[in-house]
N, C-alpha and C. Protein backbone atom coordinates (compact mmCIF):
# COMPACT_ATOMS: atom_id res chain seq x y z
N UNK A 1 93.83 110.11 117.85
CA UNK A 1 94.81 111.33 117.65
C UNK A 1 95.79 112.03 119.23
N UNK A 2 96.96 111.76 119.13
CA UNK A 2 98.32 112.96 119.57
C UNK A 2 97.41 113.79 120.21
N UNK A 3 96.99 114.29 121.66
CA UNK A 3 97.06 114.94 121.92
C UNK A 3 97.08 116.81 121.69
N UNK A 4 99.08 117.25 121.37
CA UNK A 4 99.40 118.25 120.57
C UNK A 4 98.81 118.49 118.93
N UNK A 5 98.79 117.70 118.36
CA UNK A 5 97.91 116.98 116.93
C UNK A 5 96.72 118.11 116.91
N UNK A 6 95.96 116.93 118.00
CA UNK A 6 94.49 117.65 118.15
C UNK A 6 94.16 119.38 118.55
N UNK A 7 95.00 119.39 119.54
CA UNK A 7 95.15 120.82 120.14
C UNK A 7 95.14 121.77 118.73
N UNK A 8 96.30 121.96 117.91
CA UNK A 8 97.01 122.70 116.80
C UNK A 8 95.92 122.79 115.93
N UNK A 9 94.91 121.18 115.33
CA UNK A 9 94.12 121.04 114.27
C UNK A 9 92.48 121.87 114.90
N UNK A 10 92.31 121.31 116.39
CA UNK A 10 91.42 122.81 117.09
C UNK A 10 91.02 124.12 116.98
N UNK A 11 92.75 124.19 117.00
CA UNK A 11 92.86 125.71 117.22
C UNK A 11 92.46 126.17 116.11
N UNK A 12 93.18 125.80 114.83
CA UNK A 12 92.84 126.32 113.32
C UNK A 12 91.47 126.18 112.93
N UNK A 13 91.19 125.64 113.52
CA UNK A 13 89.64 125.38 112.87
C UNK A 13 88.58 125.95 114.07
N UNK A 14 89.25 126.55 115.10
CA UNK A 14 88.92 127.99 115.41
C UNK A 14 88.70 128.79 114.69
N UNK A 15 90.42 129.18 114.60
CA UNK A 15 90.83 130.54 114.05
C UNK A 15 89.40 130.59 112.64
N UNK A 16 89.27 129.51 111.88
CA UNK A 16 88.98 129.46 110.82
C UNK A 16 87.30 129.89 111.20
N UNK A 17 86.87 129.25 111.97
CA UNK A 17 85.47 129.77 112.13
C UNK A 17 85.53 131.22 112.56
N UNK A 18 86.65 131.82 113.15
CA UNK A 18 86.33 133.34 113.29
C UNK A 18 86.91 134.06 112.83
N UNK A 19 87.08 133.65 111.32
CA UNK A 19 87.80 134.66 110.19
C UNK A 19 86.49 134.08 108.79
N UNK A 20 85.40 133.22 109.23
CA UNK A 20 85.08 132.55 108.20
C UNK A 20 83.82 133.74 107.18
N UNK A 21 83.24 134.47 107.87
CA UNK A 21 82.95 135.36 107.26
C UNK A 21 83.64 136.40 107.40
N UNK A 22 84.98 136.74 106.52
CA UNK A 22 85.57 137.81 105.92
C UNK A 22 85.93 138.75 107.36
N UNK A 23 85.55 138.29 108.42
CA UNK A 23 86.18 139.17 109.64
C UNK A 23 86.78 139.05 111.11
N UNK A 24 87.08 139.68 111.52
CA UNK A 24 87.32 139.05 112.74
C UNK A 24 86.46 139.82 113.89
N UNK A 25 85.86 139.51 114.46
CA UNK A 25 85.05 140.28 115.69
C UNK A 25 85.41 139.88 116.56
N UNK A 26 85.61 141.05 117.71
CA UNK A 26 86.79 140.40 119.08
C UNK A 26 85.94 139.45 119.89
N UNK A 27 84.96 139.26 119.75
CA UNK A 27 83.39 138.18 120.30
C UNK A 27 84.19 137.35 120.30
N UNK A 28 84.61 136.71 118.97
CA UNK A 28 84.50 135.53 118.37
C UNK A 28 86.59 135.03 119.10
N UNK A 29 87.07 136.05 118.87
CA UNK A 29 88.27 135.51 119.50
C UNK A 29 88.31 135.06 120.83
N UNK A 30 87.69 135.70 122.22
CA UNK A 30 87.34 135.97 122.85
C UNK A 30 86.99 134.36 123.22
N UNK A 31 86.47 133.95 122.69
CA UNK A 31 86.18 132.24 123.05
C UNK A 31 87.00 131.56 123.02
N UNK A 32 88.06 131.97 122.42
CA UNK A 32 89.33 131.04 121.94
C UNK A 32 89.95 131.57 123.31
N UNK A 33 90.06 132.00 123.43
CA UNK A 33 91.16 133.10 124.71
C UNK A 33 90.26 132.45 126.35
N UNK A 34 89.32 132.31 126.38
CA UNK A 34 88.58 132.29 127.33
C UNK A 34 88.97 130.33 127.72
N UNK A 35 88.88 129.86 126.14
CA UNK A 35 89.28 128.37 126.70
C UNK A 35 90.27 128.29 126.57
N UNK A 36 91.42 128.64 126.37
CA UNK A 36 92.94 128.56 126.28
C UNK A 36 92.94 128.63 127.61
N UNK A 37 92.57 129.12 128.61
CA UNK A 37 92.67 129.42 130.71
C UNK A 37 91.47 128.13 131.00
N UNK A 38 90.69 127.92 130.13
CA UNK A 38 89.14 126.45 130.88
C UNK A 38 89.80 125.64 130.80
N UNK A 39 89.84 125.17 128.81
CA UNK A 39 89.48 123.97 128.44
C UNK A 39 90.64 122.71 128.95
N UNK A 40 90.29 121.53 128.66
CA UNK A 40 91.13 120.53 129.57
C UNK A 40 92.19 120.38 128.76
N UNK A 41 91.68 120.85 127.19
CA UNK A 41 93.03 120.19 125.88
C UNK A 41 93.93 121.49 126.15
N UNK A 42 93.38 122.51 126.22
CA UNK A 42 94.05 123.59 125.91
C UNK A 42 94.70 124.49 127.05
N UNK A 43 94.66 124.51 128.20
CA UNK A 43 94.74 124.99 129.77
C UNK A 43 96.14 124.91 129.26
N UNK A 44 97.26 123.56 129.22
CA UNK A 44 98.30 123.65 129.10
C UNK A 44 99.28 123.99 128.75
N UNK A 45 98.91 124.51 127.88
CA UNK A 45 99.53 125.10 126.49
C UNK A 45 99.38 126.69 126.22
N UNK A 46 100.80 127.05 125.95
CA UNK A 46 100.81 128.22 125.14
C UNK A 46 100.10 128.08 123.71
N UNK A 47 99.20 128.98 123.68
CA UNK A 47 98.55 129.03 122.22
C UNK A 47 98.90 130.42 121.48
N UNK A 48 99.46 131.43 122.18
CA UNK A 48 99.69 132.52 121.46
C UNK A 48 100.22 132.89 119.74
N UNK A 49 101.64 131.53 120.19
CA UNK A 49 102.43 131.36 118.63
C UNK A 49 101.64 131.02 117.68
N UNK A 50 100.48 129.75 118.26
CA UNK A 50 99.89 128.74 117.45
C UNK A 50 98.99 129.80 116.68
N UNK A 51 98.11 130.79 117.26
CA UNK A 51 97.18 131.48 116.75
C UNK A 51 98.19 133.25 116.21
N UNK A 52 99.46 133.17 116.38
CA UNK A 52 99.54 134.29 115.91
C UNK A 52 100.38 134.14 113.76
N UNK A 53 100.63 132.42 113.90
CA UNK A 53 101.21 131.72 112.65
C UNK A 53 100.18 131.83 111.76
N UNK A 54 98.50 131.12 112.48
CA UNK A 54 97.36 130.97 111.41
C UNK A 54 96.74 132.46 111.46
N UNK A 55 97.48 133.40 111.83
CA UNK A 55 96.48 134.92 111.99
C UNK A 55 97.23 135.16 110.67
N UNK A 56 98.93 135.08 109.94
CA UNK A 56 99.27 134.99 109.71
C UNK A 56 98.91 134.62 107.60
N UNK A 57 98.52 133.60 108.37
CA UNK A 57 98.66 132.44 107.46
C UNK A 57 97.25 132.94 106.39
N UNK A 58 96.59 133.98 107.20
CA UNK A 58 95.57 133.66 106.84
C UNK A 58 94.95 135.52 106.74
N UNK A 59 96.12 136.35 106.64
CA UNK A 59 95.91 137.92 106.72
C UNK A 59 95.42 137.87 105.14
N UNK A 60 96.17 137.51 104.23
CA UNK A 60 95.72 137.66 102.65
C UNK A 60 94.42 137.17 102.30
N UNK A 61 93.80 136.17 103.12
CA UNK A 61 92.29 135.90 102.20
C UNK A 61 91.99 135.04 103.55
N UNK A 62 90.95 135.68 104.04
CA UNK A 62 90.66 134.74 105.29
C UNK A 62 89.45 133.25 104.90
N UNK A 63 88.43 133.82 103.34
CA UNK A 63 87.70 132.94 103.58
C UNK A 63 88.85 131.86 102.67
N UNK A 64 89.62 132.02 101.86
CA UNK A 64 90.00 130.85 101.68
C UNK A 64 90.63 130.10 102.87
N UNK A 65 91.32 130.82 103.60
CA UNK A 65 92.07 130.01 104.97
C UNK A 65 90.88 128.99 105.38
N UNK A 66 89.97 130.13 105.77
CA UNK A 66 88.59 129.05 105.97
C UNK A 66 87.76 127.40 105.41
N UNK A 67 88.39 127.91 104.08
CA UNK A 67 88.04 127.12 103.47
C UNK A 67 88.78 125.95 103.73
N UNK A 68 90.60 126.10 103.42
CA UNK A 68 91.51 125.20 103.45
C UNK A 68 91.36 124.20 104.84
N UNK A 69 91.31 125.21 105.54
CA UNK A 69 90.89 124.75 106.95
C UNK A 69 89.94 123.28 107.26
N UNK A 70 88.89 123.69 106.41
CA UNK A 70 87.40 122.64 106.23
C UNK A 70 88.10 121.71 105.95
N UNK A 71 88.73 121.63 104.72
CA UNK A 71 88.60 120.53 103.50
C UNK A 71 89.80 119.52 104.17
N UNK A 72 91.19 120.49 104.73
CA UNK A 72 91.65 119.39 105.82
C UNK A 72 90.90 118.78 106.26
N UNK A 73 90.02 119.13 106.93
CA UNK A 73 89.60 117.63 108.18
C UNK A 73 89.00 116.75 108.10
N UNK A 74 88.77 116.68 106.33
CA UNK A 74 88.00 115.17 105.77
C UNK A 74 89.50 113.90 106.11
N UNK A 75 90.59 114.46 105.89
CA UNK A 75 92.04 113.52 106.27
C UNK A 75 92.16 113.38 107.52
N UNK A 76 91.96 113.66 108.45
CA UNK A 76 92.14 113.70 109.91
C UNK A 76 91.31 112.77 110.32
N UNK A 77 92.35 112.37 111.93
CA UNK A 77 91.96 111.13 111.77
C UNK A 77 91.48 110.96 113.05
N UNK A 78 90.39 112.26 113.63
CA UNK A 78 89.37 112.42 114.75
C UNK A 78 88.87 111.69 115.37
N UNK A 79 88.83 111.13 116.52
CA UNK A 79 87.80 110.13 117.25
C UNK A 79 86.90 110.82 117.13
N UNK A 80 85.28 109.94 117.55
CA UNK A 80 83.95 110.55 117.82
C UNK A 80 83.81 111.66 118.14
N UNK A 81 84.52 111.58 119.68
CA UNK A 81 84.48 112.64 120.78
C UNK A 81 85.27 113.50 119.87
N UNK A 82 86.47 114.04 119.48
CA UNK A 82 86.87 114.88 118.55
C UNK A 82 86.00 115.77 117.98
N UNK A 83 85.51 114.84 117.02
CA UNK A 83 84.83 116.06 115.88
C UNK A 83 83.58 116.40 116.65
N UNK A 84 83.24 115.98 118.38
CA UNK A 84 82.15 117.16 118.25
C UNK A 84 82.76 117.89 119.04
N UNK A 85 83.96 117.76 119.68
CA UNK A 85 84.97 119.18 120.44
C UNK A 85 84.58 120.24 119.61
N UNK A 86 85.35 119.64 118.45
CA UNK A 86 85.76 120.68 116.96
C UNK A 86 84.27 121.25 116.31
N UNK A 87 83.59 120.55 116.11
CA UNK A 87 82.55 121.25 115.62
C UNK A 87 81.28 121.58 116.91
N UNK A 88 81.71 121.59 118.14
CA UNK A 88 81.06 122.65 119.13
C UNK A 88 81.75 124.02 119.16
N UNK A 89 82.74 123.78 119.28
CA UNK A 89 83.67 125.04 119.63
C UNK A 89 83.70 125.91 118.46
N UNK A 90 83.29 124.98 116.56
CA UNK A 90 83.68 126.03 115.72
C UNK A 90 81.62 127.00 116.31
N UNK A 91 80.75 125.89 116.23
CA UNK A 91 79.91 126.75 116.19
C UNK A 91 79.33 127.76 117.53
N UNK A 92 79.74 127.79 118.62
CA UNK A 92 80.05 128.66 119.40
C UNK A 92 81.03 129.79 119.23
N UNK A 93 82.00 129.77 117.81
CA UNK A 93 82.69 130.70 117.76
C UNK A 93 82.06 131.44 116.69
N UNK A 94 80.68 131.49 115.82
CA UNK A 94 80.09 131.36 114.76
C UNK A 94 79.24 132.62 115.87
N UNK A 95 78.21 131.99 116.81
CA UNK A 95 77.35 132.13 117.37
C UNK A 95 77.83 132.97 118.55
N UNK A 96 79.44 133.70 118.53
CA UNK A 96 79.76 134.53 119.71
C UNK A 96 79.23 136.19 119.04
N UNK A 97 79.45 136.59 118.56
CA UNK A 97 79.20 137.83 118.10
C UNK A 97 77.41 137.80 118.06
N UNK A 98 77.05 137.28 117.72
CA UNK A 98 75.00 137.12 118.01
C UNK A 98 74.54 137.39 116.94
N UNK A 99 75.37 136.90 116.03
CA UNK A 99 75.21 137.06 114.32
C UNK A 99 74.70 135.83 113.56
N UNK A 100 74.27 135.52 112.81
CA UNK A 100 74.66 134.27 111.92
C UNK A 100 74.58 134.95 110.34
N UNK A 101 75.59 134.60 109.68
CA UNK A 101 76.03 135.14 108.32
C UNK A 101 75.92 134.05 107.85
N UNK A 102 75.65 133.91 106.03
CA UNK A 102 75.46 133.01 105.69
C UNK A 102 76.82 132.02 105.01
N UNK A 103 78.25 132.85 105.16
CA UNK A 103 79.46 132.38 105.04
C UNK A 103 79.19 131.90 106.62
N UNK A 104 79.00 132.03 107.68
CA UNK A 104 78.73 131.46 108.53
C UNK A 104 78.64 129.68 108.89
N UNK A 105 76.44 130.09 108.51
CA UNK A 105 76.22 128.49 108.06
C UNK A 105 76.88 128.31 107.07
N UNK A 106 77.65 128.52 105.83
CA UNK A 106 78.19 127.80 104.76
C UNK A 106 79.15 126.63 105.40
N UNK A 107 80.30 127.64 106.18
CA UNK A 107 81.78 126.53 106.87
C UNK A 107 80.75 125.77 107.59
N UNK A 108 79.75 125.89 108.76
CA UNK A 108 80.20 124.69 109.90
C UNK A 108 79.18 123.93 108.71
N UNK A 109 78.19 123.75 107.51
CA UNK A 109 77.15 122.55 107.32
C UNK A 109 78.82 122.56 106.09
N UNK A 110 80.12 122.38 105.99
CA UNK A 110 80.77 121.60 105.42
C UNK A 110 81.81 121.09 105.92
N UNK A 111 81.90 121.74 107.29
CA UNK A 111 82.74 121.15 108.92
C UNK A 111 82.12 119.94 108.98
N UNK A 112 81.13 120.40 109.36
CA UNK A 112 79.68 118.47 109.47
C UNK A 112 79.99 117.22 108.73
N UNK A 113 79.96 118.06 107.00
CA UNK A 113 80.36 116.69 106.13
C UNK A 113 81.69 116.51 106.02
N UNK A 114 82.51 117.51 106.47
CA UNK A 114 83.97 117.15 105.90
C UNK A 114 84.40 115.89 107.05
N UNK A 115 83.39 116.32 108.43
CA UNK A 115 84.35 115.06 109.84
C UNK A 115 83.57 113.97 109.72
N UNK A 116 81.89 114.08 108.68
CA UNK A 116 81.57 112.75 108.42
C UNK A 116 80.55 112.24 110.12
N UNK A 117 80.25 113.77 110.39
CA UNK A 117 78.91 113.76 111.63
C UNK A 117 77.60 113.95 111.11
N UNK A 118 76.77 113.31 111.41
CA UNK A 118 75.32 113.57 111.25
C UNK A 118 74.93 114.43 111.86
N UNK A 119 74.17 114.70 111.33
CA UNK A 119 73.47 116.58 111.03
C UNK A 119 72.98 116.54 112.33
N UNK A 120 72.14 115.29 112.75
CA UNK A 120 70.80 114.92 113.70
C UNK A 120 71.63 115.25 114.97
N UNK A 121 73.08 114.33 114.80
CA UNK A 121 74.22 114.67 116.32
C UNK A 121 74.01 115.85 116.74
N UNK A 122 74.97 116.64 115.80
CA UNK A 122 75.21 117.92 115.50
C UNK A 122 73.85 118.98 116.34
N UNK A 123 72.87 118.77 115.34
CA UNK A 123 71.56 119.40 115.67
C UNK A 123 71.09 118.91 117.50
N UNK A 124 71.28 117.67 118.11
CA UNK A 124 70.79 117.34 119.31
C UNK A 124 72.15 117.57 119.94
N UNK A 125 73.17 118.25 120.05
CA UNK A 125 74.17 118.64 120.94
C UNK A 125 73.88 120.36 120.90
N UNK A 126 73.55 121.38 119.69
CA UNK A 126 73.41 122.30 120.07
C UNK A 126 72.55 122.85 119.14
N UNK A 127 71.18 122.32 119.40
CA UNK A 127 70.05 123.19 118.90
C UNK A 127 70.06 123.55 118.12
N UNK A 128 69.21 124.51 117.64
CA UNK A 128 69.43 125.45 116.24
C UNK A 128 70.08 125.95 115.85
N UNK A 129 71.34 125.48 115.25
CA UNK A 129 72.42 126.59 115.92
C UNK A 129 72.60 127.31 114.92
N UNK A 130 71.77 127.35 114.20
CA UNK A 130 71.99 128.55 113.07
C UNK A 130 71.15 129.71 113.29
N UNK A 131 70.00 130.30 114.23
CA UNK A 131 69.42 130.62 114.75
C UNK A 131 69.77 131.32 115.89
N UNK A 132 70.34 132.75 115.48
CA UNK A 132 70.08 133.65 117.23
C UNK A 132 69.19 134.50 117.28
N UNK A 133 68.43 134.26 118.72
CA UNK A 133 67.79 134.45 119.76
C UNK A 133 67.97 135.61 119.97
N UNK A 134 66.90 137.08 120.00
CA UNK A 134 67.37 138.35 119.85
C UNK A 134 67.07 138.35 120.95
N UNK A 135 67.74 139.79 121.68
CA UNK A 135 67.78 139.93 123.18
C UNK A 135 66.63 140.18 123.68
N UNK A 136 65.59 140.24 122.51
CA UNK A 136 63.80 140.22 123.59
C UNK A 136 63.35 139.09 123.24
N UNK A 137 64.08 137.91 123.07
CA UNK A 137 63.70 136.41 122.54
C UNK A 137 62.70 135.79 122.11
N UNK A 138 62.11 137.55 121.52
CA UNK A 138 60.24 137.38 121.24
C UNK A 138 60.54 136.94 119.14
N UNK A 139 62.17 137.71 118.71
CA UNK A 139 62.20 137.11 117.62
C UNK A 139 63.55 136.87 117.56
N UNK A 140 63.00 135.42 116.02
CA UNK A 140 64.75 135.44 115.95
C UNK A 140 65.09 135.61 114.33
N UNK A 141 66.31 135.42 114.61
CA UNK A 141 66.78 136.19 112.92
C UNK A 141 67.45 134.35 112.33
N UNK A 142 67.12 134.16 111.01
CA UNK A 142 67.41 132.65 110.52
C UNK A 142 67.92 132.99 109.22
N UNK A 143 69.11 132.46 108.74
CA UNK A 143 69.42 132.68 107.37
C UNK A 143 69.04 131.83 106.43
């Protein structure tokens, strides 16, 4: 996939991961902002306008925006490496606030299905992504 198209789609999924629980958490947005400065694919681009457009598109219904973004991934011609970049970023975003909610788990599972990624591959790269370790590391929360 052409790099500019991939970046746009990657950002759409990233923003969808941010809003898929019906809320925008600042820590989730910080993951996207950090990527803009550091990531190979994103550091050369000014992403603020793209993100503002996604904010406008999602403003009326966060969950609908997230669902549509996931559905659209089925028709995209991602390479296997691009698929892993997309899923790894989405998982990093939903985990950023330290909570896993049912909507976030459903979002990631739907994304895995639509990207046609083997769940074993995602788990190998991200461990038990649906579990958040507590600060004391003695308890885990799982939905």
